[in-house]
Amino acid sequence: MSVGPMRLTFPPELSQAIDAELAAWDDAGNTELLWNRDASLWTGADEEKWLGWLDVMDRQLSDPARFPRFAAEVKAREFDDIVLLGMGGSSLCPEVLSFTFGRRAGFPRLSILDSTDPEQVLALDRRLDISKTLFFVSSKSGSTLEPNVFFAYFYDRARQELGDAAGSHFIAITDPGSKMESVAAEHGFWKTFFGEPNIGGRFSALSDFGMMPLAAMGVDVTDFLLRSRAMAKACRLPATQNPGVRLGVALGTAWKMGHDKLTIITEKSIFDLGAWMEQLVAESTGKHGKAIIPVDREPLIAPENYGTDRIFVHIATDGESAFADAVAGIESAGHPVIRITLRERMDLGQEFFRWEIATAAAGAILGINPFDQPDVEASKIETRKLTDEFEETGSLPAETPRFIDGSISLFCDDANAAALGIDDGQSLSEALRRHLDRISVGDYFAMLAYINMNAANEAALQQIREAVLSRNGNATCLGFGPRFLHSTGQAYKGGADNGVFLQLTCDDAEDVPVPGQKYSFGVVKAAQSRGDLEVLSERGRRAIRLHISGDVSEALSRIGNIVSGAE
């Protein structure tokens, strides 16, 4: 089996630097160091403990019959829906697989829950027939907050509907010996599948975390893995012929030359791949004041209006060309462009592996450990403090806004308040414009939206994003909380101080209790957003929060009018 082609078109100076770096890579024997799991390729810390993904396909294919066997068992039970309860590395690959392959005849549809927003939890619950739903609880450690509260809620719902048979509608995917393994045994789960402790979450796509949901959808996992293994074989070649190393060295070298915004353009058939790439690249490279910032689903603008800090990647399946002219224009304007073509959607696993190798190689160029995520833990700690306080006192600590303008309140720390010149008489328009004026050359703007991730809200946020983009061509990012905390959040906090952040929160029209806890989903979401802003502020980031009371769509429309200059 062959691998999909990749073409790099770069300005001469960058192209020459990449060629030199590729030669140096081969001279140092770095591909061999990578495959030999030699931590000296990176920082000499514990990198060798996290490289099980390099040959996971061999282990998966040692018993290929288990995938069709499991698929047949799922089909026989005639479920209408599969819901994967997870976060970050446990949920993003299955999300991409769900959007890419859709529902197969005779098999259930796969949906993902990775939000603590009460509206999203309720919307999912209300469309499900619990008696015909299979739940995957996907968590490597078994101690991650979000999968645990999702499980608590839907297991309680299943008990209401199914009584003692509730556990037979649940499957755990977790590492051996985790808390989730014990929970699965205690609650009588139908099955438990195991991940591998030497594979980090964001590198786990081709392990059971990705492949068992794919099998349950009715996709031929053996064929998928065999195609993926062809990429692994190609990634053992010398650097100039190695599709993963060549990409990673290009990204790392581009970063060193100031192209630190990886702008992802995906064609329709694989449009959600960027969501998985965001986590892999941002969480792996964003630390110690360094980061490659992935920019996914950004509206396109005239090529000459982009900043010079970009590198573009266009990914398509063979025959797709909706963005081909736009990408050609970007290339003609002198921006570095990478083109990757999949022969068909079943080759998606090749891209998972190509980008995993590329991210590892880029990490070596950046001189960081691409397998840890220290700043994700910082946000978790702040969130846990707040939820623990709620459990003890029945309330979160009181907050005082800097000002209230209609249905929108503004919160920030003292340093950001001083930088914005905020006083009691400030208007929202003036404060927000001053905040956006802090975006300088080489900066990016990120919206961190702790609101319902539905089509209407996303469209409104994309309009705001486009208005900011049109101001000066700076890269813009959009993430829904809390899912981005386990993705781009690492780079926002651990990377360079070149981000300007606008966090958006709202009152919940209807809250949802978490069974067995005093706190609700709304309280969890509030604790996560406050912990997120607290860590951003501690890191000296340019960050404010706008809290919406009342109609969210009206408030987003107003914010859009301010940003676009209509108010």
Protein backbone atom coordinates (compact mmCIF):
# COMPACT_ATOMS: atom_id res chain seq x y z
CA MET A 1 0.00 0.00 0.00
CA SER A 2 1.25 3.49 -0.82
CA VAL A 3 0.89 6.69 1.19
CA GLY A 4 -0.81 9.89 0.17
CA PRO A 5 1.48 12.49 -1.46
CA MET A 6 2.69 15.66 0.23
CA ARG A 7 4.01 18.73 -1.57
CA LEU A 8 5.83 21.60 0.15
CA THR A 9 6.00 24.96 -1.61
CA PHE A 10 8.05 27.42 0.42
CA PRO A 11 9.87 30.71 -0.17
CA PRO A 12 13.55 30.12 -1.12
CA GLU A 13 15.08 31.14 2.21
CA LEU A 14 12.77 28.85 4.20
CA SER A 15 13.16 26.01 1.70
CA GLN A 16 16.97 26.20 1.94
CA ALA A 17 16.83 26.19 5.74
CA ILE A 18 14.58 23.12 5.72
CA ASP A 19 16.92 21.28 3.34
CA ALA A 20 19.84 22.03 5.65
CA GLU A 21 17.87 20.84 8.68
CA LEU A 22 16.86 17.62 6.93
CA ALA A 23 20.51 16.91 6.07
CA ALA A 24 21.53 17.57 9.66
CA TRP A 25 18.73 15.30 10.87
CA ASP A 26 20.06 12.42 8.80
CA ASP A 27 23.68 13.13 9.73
CA ALA A 28 22.73 12.86 13.40
CA GLY A 29 20.79 9.63 12.85
CA ASN A 30 17.70 11.21 14.35
CA THR A 31 15.17 8.94 12.66
CA GLU A 32 16.91 5.97 14.24
CA LEU A 33 16.94 7.76 17.61
CA LEU A 34 13.19 8.32 17.30
CA TRP A 35 12.37 4.71 16.45
CA ASN A 36 14.81 3.49 19.11
CA ARG A 37 12.90 5.64 21.64
CA ASP A 38 15.99 7.54 22.63
CA ALA A 39 15.03 10.48 24.87
CA SER A 40 18.22 12.34 23.88
CA LEU A 41 16.45 13.32 20.66
CA TRP A 42 14.35 15.68 22.80
CA THR A 43 15.24 16.77 26.35
CA GLY A 44 16.52 13.53 27.88
CA ALA A 45 13.65 13.51 30.36
CA ASP A 46 11.08 10.67 30.22
CA GLU A 47 10.23 10.78 26.53
CA GLU A 48 11.07 7.11 26.02
CA LYS A 49 8.08 6.21 28.24
CA TRP A 50 5.56 7.73 25.80
CA LEU A 51 6.46 6.20 22.44
CA GLY A 52 4.25 3.12 22.40
CA TRP A 53 2.31 4.66 19.51
CA LEU A 54 5.21 3.99 17.16
CA ASP A 55 4.34 0.32 16.80
CA VAL A 56 0.80 0.17 18.18
CA MET A 57 -0.49 -0.94 14.77
CA ASP A 58 1.58 -4.13 14.95
CA ARG A 59 0.01 -5.02 18.29
CA GLN A 60 -3.47 -4.12 17.05
CA LEU A 61 -3.06 -6.33 13.99
CA SER A 62 -1.74 -9.29 15.99
CA ASP A 63 -5.40 -10.22 16.62
CA PRO A 64 -7.30 -8.55 13.77
CA ALA A 65 -10.37 -10.73 14.27
CA ARG A 66 -11.33 -8.96 17.49
CA PHE A 67 -12.48 -5.85 15.62
CA PRO A 68 -15.06 -7.51 13.33
CA ARG A 69 -16.07 -9.76 16.23
CA PHE A 70 -16.85 -6.74 18.39
CA ALA A 71 -18.60 -4.99 15.49
CA ALA A 72 -20.85 -8.02 15.02
CA GLU A 73 -21.71 -8.03 18.72
CA VAL A 74 -22.67 -4.35 18.61
CA LYS A 75 -24.75 -4.86 15.48
CA ALA A 76 -26.56 -7.83 17.03
CA ARG A 77 -27.75 -5.71 19.94
CA GLU A 78 -29.47 -3.30 17.52
CA PHE A 79 -28.45 -0.06 19.21
CA ASP A 80 -29.62 3.17 17.58
CA ASP A 81 -26.87 5.30 19.10
CA ILE A 82 -23.38 5.13 20.50
CA VAL A 83 -22.33 8.00 22.75
CA LEU A 84 -18.68 8.41 23.64
CA LEU A 85 -18.18 10.21 26.94
CA GLY A 86 -14.66 11.61 26.95
CA MET A 87 -12.37 14.58 26.67
CA GLY A 88 -9.32 15.60 24.66
CA GLY A 89 -7.25 12.69 23.41
CA SER A 90 -10.01 10.25 24.33
CA SER A 91 -12.71 12.02 22.32
CA LEU A 92 -11.22 14.04 19.46
CA CYS A 93 -10.17 11.10 17.28
CA PRO A 94 -13.59 9.41 17.62
CA GLU A 95 -15.20 12.75 16.78
CA VAL A 96 -13.18 12.96 13.55
CA LEU A 97 -14.08 9.35 12.72
CA SER A 98 -17.77 10.04 13.35
CA PHE A 99 -17.86 13.08 11.06
CA THR A 100 -15.70 11.42 8.40
CA PHE A 101 -17.46 8.08 8.07
CA GLY A 102 -20.99 8.91 9.21
CA ARG A 103 -23.55 6.25 9.97
CA ARG A 104 -23.13 2.85 8.32
CA ALA A 105 -26.11 0.72 7.32
CA GLY A 106 -27.12 -1.62 10.14
CA PHE A 107 -24.91 0.10 12.72
CA PRO A 108 -25.59 2.82 15.31
CA ARG A 109 -24.54 6.43 14.82
CA LEU A 110 -21.67 7.71 16.95
CA SER A 111 -21.94 10.95 18.92
CA ILE A 112 -19.45 12.58 21.26
CA LEU A 113 -20.08 14.37 24.56
CA ASP A 114 -17.09 16.47 25.59
CA SER A 115 -18.78 19.51 27.14
CA THR A 116 -19.99 20.24 30.65
CA ASP A 117 -22.41 22.86 29.30
CA PRO A 118 -25.81 21.87 30.74
CA GLU A 119 -27.63 22.74 27.51
CA GLN A 120 -25.46 20.30 25.57
CA VAL A 121 -25.94 17.53 28.10
CA LEU A 122 -29.70 18.02 28.05
CA ALA A 123 -29.89 18.31 24.25
CA LEU A 124 -28.08 14.97 23.90
CA ASP A 125 -30.19 13.27 26.57
CA ARG A 126 -33.46 14.45 25.02
CA ARG A 127 -32.71 12.98 21.61
CA LEU A 128 -31.57 9.58 22.91
CA ASP A 129 -33.58 6.46 23.55
CA ILE A 130 -31.50 5.27 26.50
CA SER A 131 -32.74 1.70 26.07
CA LYS A 132 -31.18 1.63 22.59
CA THR A 133 -27.97 3.52 23.37
CA LEU A 134 -24.47 2.18 24.01
CA PHE A 135 -22.12 4.39 26.02
CA PHE A 136 -18.33 4.37 25.82
CA VAL A 137 -16.71 5.92 28.90
CA SER A 138 -13.29 6.83 27.57
CA SER A 139 -10.61 7.95 30.02
CA LYS A 140 -6.97 6.87 30.24
CA SER A 141 -6.50 7.70 33.90
CA GLY A 142 -10.08 7.16 34.99
CA SER A 143 -9.75 10.26 37.17
CA THR A 144 -10.49 12.99 34.61
CA LEU A 145 -13.34 15.18 35.85
CA GLU A 146 -15.42 15.44 32.69
CA PRO A 147 -15.79 11.74 31.74
CA ASN A 148 -16.59 10.97 35.36
CA VAL A 149 -19.44 13.48 35.61
CA PHE A 150 -20.74 12.41 32.18
CA PHE A 151 -20.77 8.81 33.39
CA ALA A 152 -22.47 9.72 36.65
CA TYR A 153 -25.27 11.45 34.77
CA PHE A 154 -25.91 8.88 32.05
CA TYR A 155 -25.50 5.86 34.29
CA ASP A 156 -28.14 7.39 36.56
CA ARG A 157 -30.37 7.89 33.51
CA ALA A 158 -29.75 4.29 32.43
CA ARG A 159 -30.64 3.03 35.91
CA GLN A 160 -33.92 4.93 35.69
CA GLU A 161 -34.71 3.33 32.32
CA LEU A 162 -33.10 -0.09 32.57
CA GLY A 163 -32.74 -0.90 36.24
CA ASP A 164 -30.10 -3.52 37.01
CA ALA A 165 -29.34 -3.95 33.30
CA ALA A 166 -27.91 -0.42 33.08
CA GLY A 167 -24.28 -1.54 33.15
CA SER A 168 -24.74 -3.72 30.08
CA HIS A 169 -25.10 -0.51 28.04
CA PHE A 170 -21.65 0.75 29.04
CA ILE A 171 -18.13 0.04 27.81
CA ALA A 172 -14.96 1.44 29.38
CA ILE A 173 -11.83 2.33 27.44
CA THR A 174 -9.11 2.99 29.97
CA ASP A 175 -5.58 2.08 31.00
CA PRO A 176 -5.02 -1.09 33.04
CA GLY A 177 -5.32 -0.55 36.78
CA SER A 178 -7.13 2.78 36.47
CA LYS A 179 -10.01 3.90 38.62
CA MET A 180 -12.30 3.49 35.61
CA GLU A 181 -11.43 -0.20 35.39
CA SER A 182 -12.72 -0.59 38.95
CA VAL A 183 -15.82 1.46 38.20
CA ALA A 184 -16.57 -0.73 35.18
CA ALA A 185 -16.32 -3.92 37.23
CA GLU A 186 -18.40 -2.48 40.06
CA HIS A 187 -21.19 -1.33 37.74
CA GLY A 188 -21.30 -4.39 35.54
CA PHE A 189 -20.11 -2.84 32.29
CA TRP A 190 -20.60 -4.93 29.15
CA LYS A 191 -16.91 -4.70 28.22
CA THR A 192 -13.66 -3.00 29.13
CA PHE A 193 -11.01 -2.26 26.51
CA PHE A 194 -7.53 -1.22 27.55
CA GLY A 195 -5.28 1.51 26.31
CA GLU A 196 -1.54 1.38 26.75
CA PRO A 197 0.17 3.30 29.57
CA ASN A 198 3.08 4.18 27.26
CA ILE A 199 0.83 6.06 24.82
CA GLY A 200 -0.31 9.55 25.77
CA GLY A 201 -3.91 10.52 25.08
CA ARG A 202 -3.32 12.73 22.06
CA PHE A 203 -1.16 10.02 20.42
CA SER A 204 -3.77 7.29 21.06
CA ALA A 205 -5.79 7.53 17.82
CA LEU A 206 -4.71 4.12 16.49
CA SER A 207 -5.03 2.40 19.86
CA ASP A 208 -8.32 1.11 21.23
CA PHE A 209 -9.33 4.67 22.16
CA GLY A 210 -9.90 5.35 18.49
CA MET A 211 -10.27 1.92 16.94
CA MET A 212 -12.98 0.38 19.14
CA PRO A 213 -15.45 3.24 18.48
CA LEU A 214 -14.57 2.91 14.78
CA ALA A 215 -15.32 -0.83 14.89
CA ALA A 216 -18.64 -0.17 16.64
CA MET A 217 -19.56 2.15 13.74
CA GLY A 218 -19.15 -0.76 11.32
CA VAL A 219 -15.92 0.41 9.63
CA ASP A 220 -13.33 -2.21 8.63
CA VAL A 221 -10.70 -1.48 11.27
CA THR A 222 -8.26 -4.10 9.98
CA ASP A 223 -8.15 -2.44 6.56
CA PHE A 224 -7.87 0.96 8.24
CA LEU A 225 -4.86 -0.20 10.29
CA LEU A 226 -3.15 -1.94 7.37
CA ARG A 227 -3.33 1.29 5.37
CA SER A 228 -2.01 3.20 8.39
CA ARG A 229 0.90 0.80 8.76
CA ALA A 230 2.04 1.72 5.26
CA MET A 231 2.66 5.24 6.58
CA ALA A 232 4.58 3.87 9.55
CA LYS A 233 6.84 1.94 7.17
CA ALA A 234 7.47 5.08 5.08
CA CYS A 235 8.31 7.00 8.25
CA ARG A 236 11.43 4.86 8.76
CA LEU A 237 13.04 6.20 5.56
CA PRO A 238 15.75 8.90 5.36
CA ALA A 239 14.44 12.37 6.16
CA THR A 240 13.96 13.68 2.62
CA GLN A 241 11.84 10.62 1.74
CA ASN A 242 10.16 10.31 5.13
CA PRO A 243 6.63 11.82 5.03
CA GLY A 244 6.38 12.35 8.79
CA VAL A 245 9.91 13.56 9.53
CA ARG A 246 9.96 15.82 6.47
CA LEU A 247 6.74 17.47 7.62
CA GLY A 248 7.92 17.81 11.21
CA VAL A 249 11.28 19.27 10.26
CA ALA A 250 9.49 21.74 7.98
CA LEU A 251 7.17 22.82 10.81
CA GLY A 252 10.00 23.13 13.32
CA THR A 253 12.25 25.05 10.94
CA ALA A 254 9.38 27.33 9.92
CA TRP A 255 8.76 28.02 13.62
CA LYS A 256 12.40 29.01 14.10
CA MET A 257 12.02 31.47 11.21
CA GLY A 258 8.90 33.09 12.65
CA HIS A 259 6.15 31.05 10.97
CA ASP A 260 4.54 29.83 14.17
CA LYS A 261 0.83 29.88 13.12
CA LEU A 262 -0.15 26.61 11.42
CA THR A 263 -3.26 27.46 9.42
CA ILE A 264 -5.25 24.31 8.62
CA ILE A 265 -7.48 24.14 5.54
CA THR A 266 -9.38 20.85 5.18
CA GLU A 267 -11.75 19.82 2.42
CA LYS A 268 -15.31 18.71 3.16
CA SER A 269 -14.84 14.95 3.38
CA ILE A 270 -12.31 15.29 6.23
CA PHE A 271 -13.26 18.74 7.54
CA ASP A 272 -13.04 17.75 11.22
CA LEU A 273 -9.45 16.47 11.04
CA GLY A 274 -8.26 19.90 12.13
CA ALA A 275 -9.92 19.48 15.54
CA TRP A 276 -7.68 16.47 16.23
CA MET A 277 -4.62 18.19 14.76
CA GLU A 278 -5.22 21.21 17.00
CA GLN A 279 -4.74 19.17 20.15
CA LEU A 280 -1.83 17.13 18.85
CA VAL A 281 0.18 20.16 17.71
CA ALA A 282 -0.78 22.69 20.39
CA GLU A 283 -0.57 20.43 23.43
CA SER A 284 2.68 18.85 22.21
CA THR A 285 4.61 21.99 21.19
CA GLY A 286 3.12 24.67 23.46
CA LYS A 287 5.37 24.88 26.51
CA HIS A 288 8.41 26.66 27.95
CA GLY A 289 7.54 29.83 26.04
CA LYS A 290 7.40 28.06 22.67
CA ALA A 291 4.43 26.97 20.57
CA ILE A 292 3.22 26.18 17.10
CA ILE A 293 -0.30 27.63 17.22
CA PRO A 294 -2.79 25.65 15.10
CA VAL A 295 -5.48 27.76 13.41
CA ASP A 296 -8.46 25.64 12.37
CA ARG A 297 -11.63 26.60 10.45
CA GLU A 298 -10.63 30.21 10.13
CA PRO A 299 -12.50 32.16 7.41
CA LEU A 300 -10.31 32.79 4.37
CA ILE A 301 -9.27 36.33 3.44
CA ALA A 302 -7.31 37.86 0.57
CA PRO A 303 -3.82 36.27 0.56
CA GLU A 304 -2.02 39.63 0.71
CA ASN A 305 -3.78 40.45 3.99
CA TYR A 306 -2.29 37.58 5.98
CA GLY A 307 0.64 38.25 8.28
CA THR A 308 4.07 36.80 7.56
CA ASP A 309 3.92 34.49 10.60
CA ARG A 310 1.82 31.81 8.90
CA ILE A 311 2.40 28.39 7.41
CA PHE A 312 -0.58 26.86 5.60
CA VAL A 313 -1.53 23.21 5.22
CA HIS A 314 -4.24 22.09 2.79
CA ILE A 315 -5.53 18.54 3.27
CA ALA A 316 -7.91 16.90 0.81
CA THR A 317 -9.00 13.54 -0.44
CA ASP A 318 -8.27 12.81 -4.07
CA GLY A 319 -10.56 14.78 -6.38
CA GLU A 320 -11.59 17.45 -3.86
CA SER A 321 -10.71 21.00 -4.81
CA ALA A 322 -13.12 23.46 -3.17
CA PHE A 323 -10.20 25.37 -1.64
CA ALA A 324 -7.65 24.70 -4.38
CA ASP A 325 -7.87 28.16 -5.96
CA ALA A 326 -7.69 29.90 -2.60
CA VAL A 327 -4.62 27.86 -1.62
CA ALA A 328 -2.99 28.62 -4.98
CA GLY A 329 -3.53 32.31 -4.29
CA ILE A 330 -1.97 31.99 -0.86
CA GLU A 331 1.04 30.27 -2.42
CA SER A 332 1.35 32.93 -5.13
CA ALA A 333 1.40 35.61 -2.45
CA GLY A 334 4.60 34.03 -1.07
CA HIS A 335 3.25 32.20 1.97
CA PRO A 336 4.62 28.72 2.75
CA VAL A 337 2.11 26.04 1.74
CA ILE A 338 1.93 22.29 2.42
CA ARG A 339 -0.47 20.16 0.34
CA ILE A 340 -1.44 16.67 1.49
CA THR A 341 -3.75 14.38 -0.48
CA LEU A 342 -5.45 11.24 0.80
CA ARG A 343 -6.43 8.73 -1.85
CA GLU A 344 -9.68 8.12 0.05
CA ARG A 345 -11.17 8.52 3.51
CA MET A 346 -10.02 5.07 4.63
CA ASP A 347 -6.47 6.45 4.49
CA LEU A 348 -7.26 8.83 7.35
CA GLY A 349 -5.19 6.70 9.74
CA GLN A 350 -2.14 7.49 7.62
CA GLU A 351 -2.61 11.14 8.52
CA PHE A 352 -2.95 10.33 12.19
CA PHE A 353 0.45 8.64 12.07
CA ARG A 354 2.09 11.16 9.72
CA TRP A 355 1.17 14.01 12.05
CA GLU A 356 2.22 12.09 15.18
CA ILE A 357 5.69 11.55 13.69
CA ALA A 358 5.75 15.15 12.47
CA THR A 359 4.84 16.49 15.90
CA ALA A 360 7.53 14.39 17.56
CA ALA A 361 10.09 15.63 15.02
CA ALA A 362 9.00 19.25 15.37
CA GLY A 363 9.35 18.89 19.14
CA ALA A 364 12.96 17.83 18.64
CA ILE A 365 13.62 20.93 16.51
CA LEU A 366 11.98 23.14 19.15
CA GLY A 367 14.00 21.47 21.92
CA ILE A 368 11.01 20.52 24.06
CA ASN A 369 9.39 17.34 25.38
CA PRO A 370 6.40 16.89 23.06
CA PHE A 371 4.77 14.27 25.28
CA ASP A 372 3.98 16.20 28.48
CA GLN A 373 1.35 18.87 29.17
CA PRO A 374 2.27 20.72 32.38
CA ASP A 375 -0.08 23.66 31.90
CA VAL A 376 -3.16 21.50 31.38
CA GLU A 377 -2.58 20.25 34.90
CA ALA A 378 -2.44 23.84 36.20
CA SER A 379 -5.98 24.51 34.97
CA LYS A 380 -7.21 21.22 36.42
CA ILE A 381 -5.80 22.17 39.80
CA GLU A 382 -7.58 25.55 39.81
CA THR A 383 -10.84 23.92 38.75
CA ARG A 384 -10.55 21.30 41.47
CA LYS A 385 -10.03 23.98 44.11
CA LEU A 386 -13.26 25.66 43.07
CA THR A 387 -15.37 22.49 42.87
CA ASP A 388 -13.98 21.35 46.24
CA GLU A 389 -14.98 24.69 47.74
CA PHE A 390 -18.47 24.29 46.33
CA GLU A 391 -18.73 20.83 47.86
CA GLU A 392 -17.72 22.27 51.24
CA THR A 393 -19.67 25.54 51.25
CA GLY A 394 -22.41 25.13 48.66
CA SER A 395 -21.22 28.07 46.57
CA LEU A 396 -18.34 29.29 44.46
CA PRO A 397 -16.31 32.27 45.70
CA ALA A 398 -18.01 35.60 45.04
CA GLU A 399 -16.89 37.60 42.00
CA THR A 400 -17.17 41.31 41.30
CA PRO A 401 -17.23 42.48 37.68
CA ARG A 402 -15.17 45.47 36.60
CA PHE A 403 -18.37 46.87 35.12
CA ILE A 404 -21.75 45.82 33.75
CA ASP A 405 -23.05 47.11 30.43
CA GLY A 406 -26.54 45.84 29.72
CA SER A 407 -26.54 42.06 29.81
CA ILE A 408 -22.74 41.79 29.64
CA SER A 409 -20.33 41.95 32.59
CA LEU A 410 -16.57 42.27 32.21
CA PHE A 411 -14.09 40.44 34.47
CA CYS A 412 -10.30 40.55 34.47
CA ASP A 413 -7.38 40.77 36.87
CA ASP A 414 -5.85 44.04 38.07
CA ALA A 415 -3.05 44.02 35.49
CA ASN A 416 -5.45 43.71 32.56
CA ALA A 417 -7.80 46.28 34.10
CA ALA A 418 -4.92 48.76 34.38
CA ALA A 419 -3.77 48.07 30.82
CA LEU A 420 -7.28 48.74 29.54
CA GLY A 421 -7.81 51.80 31.72
CA ILE A 422 -11.02 50.33 33.07
CA ASP A 423 -13.05 52.39 35.51
CA ASP A 424 -16.65 52.42 36.67
CA GLY A 425 -17.76 54.57 33.76
CA GLN A 426 -16.26 52.36 31.06
CA SER A 427 -18.48 51.17 28.23
CA LEU A 428 -18.27 47.68 26.78
CA SER A 429 -17.51 49.11 23.32
CA GLU A 430 -14.55 51.10 24.57
CA ALA A 431 -13.09 48.28 26.70
CA LEU A 432 -13.43 45.67 23.98
CA ARG A 433 -11.88 47.90 21.33
CA ARG A 434 -8.97 48.69 23.61
CA HIS A 435 -8.52 44.98 24.25
CA LEU A 436 -8.44 44.22 20.53
CA ASP A 437 -6.01 47.09 19.97
CA ARG A 438 -3.53 45.10 22.04
CA ILE A 439 -3.17 42.63 19.14
CA SER A 440 0.22 43.40 17.58
CA VAL A 441 2.24 42.00 14.68
CA GLY A 442 2.93 38.33 15.32
CA ASP A 443 0.09 37.96 17.82
CA TYR A 444 -2.97 35.76 17.56
CA PHE A 445 -6.48 36.28 18.92
CA ALA A 446 -8.36 33.43 20.64
CA MET A 447 -11.98 33.24 21.72
CA LEU A 448 -12.58 30.83 24.58
CA ALA A 449 -16.32 30.18 24.54
CA TYR A 450 -17.92 28.44 27.52
CA ILE A 451 -21.33 28.35 25.87
CA ASN A 452 -23.43 25.76 24.10
CA MET A 453 -21.51 24.43 21.09
CA ASN A 454 -24.43 24.58 18.66
CA ALA A 455 -24.58 25.75 15.05
CA ALA A 456 -26.11 29.16 15.82
CA ASN A 457 -23.52 30.05 18.46
CA GLU A 458 -20.65 28.82 16.32
CA ALA A 459 -21.87 30.91 13.36
CA ALA A 460 -22.08 34.03 15.54
CA LEU A 461 -18.60 33.43 16.94
CA GLN A 462 -17.19 32.86 13.47
CA GLN A 463 -18.57 36.26 12.43
CA ILE A 464 -16.78 37.88 15.38
CA ARG A 465 -13.65 35.97 14.46
CA GLU A 466 -13.85 37.16 10.85
CA ALA A 467 -14.27 40.76 12.00
CA VAL A 468 -11.11 40.50 14.10
CA LEU A 469 -9.26 38.79 11.26
CA SER A 470 -10.26 41.59 8.88
CA ARG A 471 -8.76 44.24 11.15
CA ASN A 472 -5.13 43.34 10.47
CA GLY A 473 -4.81 39.72 9.29
CA ASN A 474 -3.64 38.33 12.62
CA ALA A 475 -4.37 34.64 13.16
CA THR A 476 -7.60 33.90 15.02
CA CYS A 477 -8.60 30.84 17.02
CA LEU A 478 -11.95 29.66 18.36
CA GLY A 479 -12.37 27.03 21.02
CA PHE A 480 -15.37 25.85 23.00
CA GLY A 481 -14.82 25.19 26.69
CA PRO A 482 -14.05 23.02 28.42
CA ARG A 483 -12.86 20.89 25.50
CA PHE A 484 -10.10 23.28 24.42
CA LEU A 485 -8.61 23.07 27.94
CA HIS A 486 -7.42 19.59 26.93
CA SER A 487 -6.25 20.82 23.54
CA THR A 488 -5.08 24.31 22.61
CA GLY A 489 -5.26 25.44 26.24
CA GLN A 490 -1.75 24.07 26.85
CA ALA A 491 -0.23 26.29 24.16
CA TYR A 492 -2.21 29.33 25.29
CA LYS A 493 -0.76 29.07 28.79
CA GLY A 494 2.62 27.44 28.18
CA GLY A 495 3.58 28.91 24.83
CA ALA A 496 4.88 32.33 23.89
CA ASP A 497 3.14 35.45 25.21
CA ASN A 498 1.70 36.33 21.82
CA GLY A 499 -1.98 35.62 22.40
CA VAL A 500 -4.83 38.01 23.14
CA PHE A 501 -7.75 36.17 24.75
CA LEU A 502 -11.47 36.81 25.00
CA GLN A 503 -13.26 34.37 27.26
CA LEU A 504 -17.05 34.17 26.95
CA THR A 505 -19.33 32.70 29.61
CA CYS A 506 -23.07 32.80 30.20
CA ASP A 507 -25.82 32.06 32.68
CA ASP A 508 -27.37 28.64 32.19
CA ALA A 509 -31.04 28.71 31.20
CA GLU A 510 -31.40 25.30 32.85
CA ASP A 511 -28.87 23.57 35.05
CA VAL A 512 -28.34 19.85 35.45
CA PRO A 513 -27.31 18.17 38.73
CA VAL A 514 -24.41 15.72 38.80
CA PRO A 515 -25.63 12.59 40.60
CA GLY A 516 -23.75 11.96 43.81
CA GLN A 517 -22.31 15.48 43.99
CA LYS A 518 -23.45 18.80 45.40
CA TYR A 519 -22.20 20.61 42.31
CA SER A 520 -24.05 20.70 39.00
CA PHE A 521 -22.83 20.74 35.42
CA GLY A 522 -23.27 24.52 35.45
CA VAL A 523 -21.06 24.80 38.53
CA VAL A 524 -18.41 22.57 36.93
CA LYS A 525 -18.43 24.72 33.78
CA ALA A 526 -18.18 27.91 35.85
CA ALA A 527 -15.27 26.46 37.86
CA GLN A 528 -13.50 25.45 34.66
CA SER A 529 -13.86 28.87 33.05
CA ARG A 530 -12.75 30.67 36.20
CA GLY A 531 -9.80 28.34 36.66
CA ASP A 532 -8.86 28.86 33.02
CA LEU A 533 -8.88 32.65 33.34
CA GLU A 534 -6.99 32.46 36.62
CA VAL A 535 -4.11 30.53 35.05
CA LEU A 536 -4.03 32.81 31.99
CA SER A 537 -3.83 35.79 34.33
CA GLU A 538 -1.11 34.19 36.44
CA ARG A 539 0.92 33.75 33.24
CA GLY A 540 0.56 37.46 32.47
CA ARG A 541 -1.64 36.90 29.44
CA ARG A 542 -3.78 39.62 27.86
CA ALA A 543 -7.13 38.13 28.82
CA ILE A 544 -10.61 39.33 29.77
CA ARG A 545 -13.92 37.58 30.34
CA LEU A 546 -17.30 38.74 29.14
CA HIS A 547 -20.19 37.12 31.01
CA ILE A 548 -23.61 37.08 29.37
CA SER A 549 -26.78 37.25 31.44
CA GLY A 550 -29.91 36.63 29.40
CA ASP A 551 -30.15 35.97 25.68
CA VAL A 552 -26.85 34.62 24.40
CA SER A 553 -27.58 35.22 20.71
CA GLU A 554 -28.43 38.88 21.30
CA ALA A 555 -25.25 39.39 23.33
CA LEU A 556 -23.07 37.70 20.69
CA SER A 557 -24.68 39.89 18.03
CA ARG A 558 -23.84 42.97 20.07
CA ILE A 559 -20.23 41.86 20.56
CA GLY A 560 -20.01 41.27 16.82
CA ASN A 561 -21.30 44.77 16.12
CA ILE A 562 -18.68 46.26 18.44
CA VAL A 563 -15.85 44.32 16.86
CA SER A 564 -16.97 45.19 13.33
CA GLY A 565 -17.38 48.85 14.21
CA ALA A 566 -21.18 48.94 13.88
CA GLU A 567 -21.55 50.03 17.54
